[in-house]
Every structure is written in structure tokens, then in C-alpha cells.
Amino acid sequence: VKSGHGLGVERTKAYKYENLASNFIGRKVEPLLVTVEPNDNSEIHTNTHSGQEFHYCIEGSFLLQIGDHTLTVCEGDSVYFDSSLPHAMQVLGDKPAKFLAIVLK
């Protein structure tokens, strides 16, 4: 997929998703380029689903809550976790956060 040409995916208004493998039939992972704008709202909403996830932060930084744990993820950091645990993120600062999310089904 050429830069900027990932298939847009509508999941939530706060997140912009680009699917980087939408044309591959039978894929076992979902590679997504995710951009999240800063938000003054301090409340974060958790999500759960089957599988596992890998996030690699490309730009900006964010708080990532996984179950009872919260960690700061900065440019160049990565995290791998069980998606069945409640998880959510919130951008830190006034710069958008951009990360590669690989979701294993």
C-alpha cells in the first residue's frame, strides 16, 4: 500500500484508521495505521475483543491503559498485549499520536 492510500475504516470518531492490507483475502492479522487527535476530555473508554495487539508509536505519545495497568508510550516505543483485556488510550500533549497497530485475530 502506497503512503496515504490505506483503506479508511470507520470505527470511532476519535480515531482515524487506515487498513494497510485490505486487499489480502484470508489475512490473520489486521495492520492499521492509527492517528488520534489530542482531546481535552480526561475520560477514556475501554474496548475489548478477541486476539492480541502490537502497537508501535510513530509520532507523538499517549497513555495506554490495559486492564489495571497504565503506561506511557512515546515515539519508538512498542507494546504487545492481550486484546481481551479492557484497553484504551489517550493522547498526551497537543500533538496527534500516530501508531502502527497490528491486530491478531
C-alpha atoms as a PDB file:
ATOM      1  CA  VAL A   1       0.000   0.000   0.000  1.00  0.00           C
ATOM      2  CA  LYS A   2       1.421   3.364  -1.025  1.00  0.00           C
ATOM      3  CA  SER A   3       1.746   6.017   1.676  1.00  0.00           C
ATOM      4  CA  GLY A   4      -1.587   7.691   2.380  1.00  0.00           C
ATOM      5  CA  HIS A   5      -3.553   5.111   0.383  1.00  0.00           C
ATOM      6  CA  GLY A   6      -4.640   2.707   3.120  1.00  0.00           C
ATOM      7  CA  LEU A   7      -8.351   1.941   3.131  1.00  0.00           C
ATOM      8  CA  GLY A   8     -10.155   4.201   5.611  1.00  0.00           C
ATOM      9  CA  VAL A   9     -12.007   2.302   8.320  1.00  0.00           C
ATOM     10  CA  GLU A  10     -14.838   3.837  10.353  1.00  0.00           C
ATOM     11  CA  ARG A  11     -14.692   2.526  13.907  1.00  0.00           C
ATOM     12  CA  THR A  12     -14.913   5.594  16.136  1.00  0.00           C
ATOM     13  CA  LYS A  13     -14.877   9.361  15.554  1.00  0.00           C
ATOM     14  CA  ALA A  14     -11.857   9.930  17.793  1.00  0.00           C
ATOM     15  CA  TYR A  15      -9.580   7.607  15.804  1.00  0.00           C
ATOM     16  CA  LYS A  16      -8.600   7.691  12.115  1.00  0.00           C
ATOM     17  CA  TYR A  17      -7.779   4.182  10.842  1.00  0.00           C
ATOM     18  CA  GLU A  18      -6.088   3.165   7.595  1.00  0.00           C
ATOM     19  CA  ASN A  19      -6.176  -0.552   6.839  1.00  0.00           C
ATOM     20  CA  LEU A  20      -2.823  -1.467   5.286  1.00  0.00           C
ATOM     21  CA  ALA A  21      -3.844  -4.922   3.992  1.00  0.00           C
ATOM     22  CA  SER A  22      -7.477  -4.583   2.945  1.00  0.00           C
ATOM     23  CA  ASN A  23      -6.917  -6.374  -0.383  1.00  0.00           C
ATOM     24  CA  PHE A  24      -5.417  -9.523   1.128  1.00  0.00           C
ATOM     25  CA  ILE A  25      -8.052 -12.256   1.448  1.00  0.00           C
ATOM     26  CA  GLY A  26      -7.799 -14.624   4.434  1.00  0.00           C
ATOM     27  CA  ARG A  27      -5.358 -12.488   6.440  1.00  0.00           C
ATOM     28  CA  LYS A  28      -4.705 -13.496  10.041  1.00  0.00           C
ATOM     29  CA  VAL A  29      -3.654 -10.025  11.179  1.00  0.00           C
ATOM     30  CA  GLU A  30      -5.131  -6.577  10.695  1.00  0.00           C
ATOM     31  CA  PRO A  31      -2.363  -3.981  10.144  1.00  0.00           C
ATOM     32  CA  LEU A  32      -3.726  -0.499  10.816  1.00  0.00           C
ATOM     33  CA  LEU A  33      -2.159   2.944  10.760  1.00  0.00           C
ATOM     34  CA  VAL A  34      -3.967   4.829  13.529  1.00  0.00           C
ATOM     35  CA  THR A  35      -3.991   8.592  14.079  1.00  0.00           C
ATOM     36  CA  VAL A  36      -5.581  10.096  17.181  1.00  0.00           C
ATOM     37  CA  GLU A  37      -6.005  13.827  17.716  1.00  0.00           C
ATOM     38  CA  PRO A  38      -5.435  15.360  21.158  1.00  0.00           C
ATOM     39  CA  ASN A  39      -8.573  15.625  23.258  1.00  0.00           C
ATOM     40  CA  ASP A  40      -9.170  17.650  26.406  1.00  0.00           C
ATOM     41  CA  ASN A  41     -11.633  15.017  27.621  1.00  0.00           C
ATOM     42  CA  SER A  42      -9.915  13.190  30.500  1.00  0.00           C
ATOM     43  CA  GLU A  43     -12.348  10.239  30.335  1.00  0.00           C
ATOM     44  CA  ILE A  44     -11.152   7.319  28.250  1.00  0.00           C
ATOM     45  CA  HIS A  45     -13.398   4.489  27.058  1.00  0.00           C
ATOM     46  CA  THR A  46     -12.094   0.925  27.102  1.00  0.00           C
ATOM     47  CA  ASN A  47     -12.510  -1.673  24.388  1.00  0.00           C
ATOM     48  CA  THR A  48     -12.224  -5.468  24.444  1.00  0.00           C
ATOM     49  CA  HIS A  49     -12.145  -8.061  21.679  1.00  0.00           C
ATOM     50  CA  SER A  50     -10.572 -11.420  20.993  1.00  0.00           C
ATOM     51  CA  GLY A  51      -6.970 -11.721  19.847  1.00  0.00           C
ATOM     52  CA  GLN A  52      -3.768  -9.853  20.563  1.00  0.00           C
ATOM     53  CA  GLU A  53      -2.356  -6.465  19.551  1.00  0.00           C
ATOM     54  CA  PHE A  54       1.013  -4.928  18.828  1.00  0.00           C
ATOM     55  CA  HIS A  55       1.356  -1.124  18.811  1.00  0.00           C
ATOM     56  CA  TYR A  56       4.420   0.782  17.564  1.00  0.00           C
ATOM     57  CA  CYS A  57       4.352   4.538  18.184  1.00  0.00           C
ATOM     58  CA  ILE A  58       5.477   6.526  15.135  1.00  0.00           C
ATOM     59  CA  GLU A  59       4.672  10.089  16.263  1.00  0.00           C
ATOM     60  CA  GLY A  60       3.566  11.768  19.472  1.00  0.00           C
ATOM     61  CA  SER A  61       2.884   9.976  22.728  1.00  0.00           C
ATOM     62  CA  PHE A  62      -0.080   8.511  24.547  1.00  0.00           C
ATOM     63  CA  LEU A  63      -1.212   6.820  27.728  1.00  0.00           C
ATOM     64  CA  LEU A  64      -2.220   3.213  27.168  1.00  0.00           C
ATOM     65  CA  GLN A  65      -4.443   1.563  29.742  1.00  0.00           C
ATOM     66  CA  ILE A  66      -4.535  -2.236  29.684  1.00  0.00           C
ATOM     67  CA  GLY A  67      -6.610  -3.745  32.462  1.00  0.00           C
ATOM     68  CA  ASP A  68      -5.365  -2.172  35.715  1.00  0.00           C
ATOM     69  CA  HIS A  69      -2.039  -1.015  34.197  1.00  0.00           C
ATOM     70  CA  THR A  70      -1.342   2.351  32.591  1.00  0.00           C
ATOM     71  CA  LEU A  71       1.836   3.091  30.683  1.00  0.00           C
ATOM     72  CA  THR A  72       3.221   5.980  28.663  1.00  0.00           C
ATOM     73  CA  VAL A  73       4.043   5.134  25.050  1.00  0.00           C
ATOM     74  CA  CYS A  74       6.391   7.534  23.210  1.00  0.00           C
ATOM     75  CA  GLU A  75       7.821   7.690  19.684  1.00  0.00           C
ATOM     76  CA  GLY A  76       9.765   4.486  19.009  1.00  0.00           C
ATOM     77  CA  ASP A  77       8.136   2.551  21.857  1.00  0.00           C
ATOM     78  CA  SER A  78       6.134  -0.625  21.273  1.00  0.00           C
ATOM     79  CA  VAL A  79       3.761  -2.753  23.296  1.00  0.00           C
ATOM     80  CA  TYR A  80       2.175  -6.189  22.768  1.00  0.00           C
ATOM     81  CA  PHE A  81      -0.918  -7.204  24.736  1.00  0.00           C
ATOM     82  CA  ASP A  82      -3.960  -9.455  25.032  1.00  0.00           C
ATOM     83  CA  SER A  83      -6.916  -7.655  23.415  1.00  0.00           C
ATOM     84  CA  SER A  84      -9.431  -9.444  25.641  1.00  0.00           C
ATOM     85  CA  LEU A  85      -8.260  -7.191  28.483  1.00  0.00           C
ATOM     86  CA  PRO A  86     -10.047  -3.822  28.641  1.00  0.00           C
ATOM     87  CA  HIS A  87      -7.793  -1.331  26.848  1.00  0.00           C
ATOM     88  CA  ALA A  88      -7.875   2.332  25.847  1.00  0.00           C
ATOM     89  CA  MET A  89      -5.517   5.160  25.002  1.00  0.00           C
ATOM     90  CA  GLN A  90      -5.346   8.919  25.386  1.00  0.00           C
ATOM     91  CA  VAL A  91      -3.027  11.307  23.550  1.00  0.00           C
ATOM     92  CA  LEU A  92      -0.528  13.225  25.659  1.00  0.00           C
ATOM     93  CA  GLY A  93       0.200  16.856  24.806  1.00  0.00           C
ATOM     94  CA  ASP A  94      -1.124  18.875  21.886  1.00  0.00           C
ATOM     95  CA  LYS A  95       0.353  16.811  19.037  1.00  0.00           C
ATOM     96  CA  PRO A  96      -1.592  13.953  17.382  1.00  0.00           C
ATOM     97  CA  ALA A  97      -0.386  10.423  18.105  1.00  0.00           C
ATOM     98  CA  LYS A  98       0.235   8.086  15.182  1.00  0.00           C
ATOM     99  CA  PHE A  99       0.926   4.399  15.658  1.00  0.00           C
ATOM    100  CA  LEU A 100       1.005   1.145  13.763  1.00  0.00           C
ATOM    101  CA  ALA A 101      -1.455  -1.324  15.274  1.00  0.00           C
ATOM    102  CA  ILE A 102      -1.207  -4.973  14.306  1.00  0.00           C
ATOM    103  CA  VAL A 103      -4.325  -6.792  15.499  1.00  0.00           C
ATOM    104  CA  LEU A 104      -4.084 -10.588  15.528  1.00  0.00           C
ATOM    105  CA  LYS A 105      -7.450 -12.258  15.119  1.00  0.00           C
END
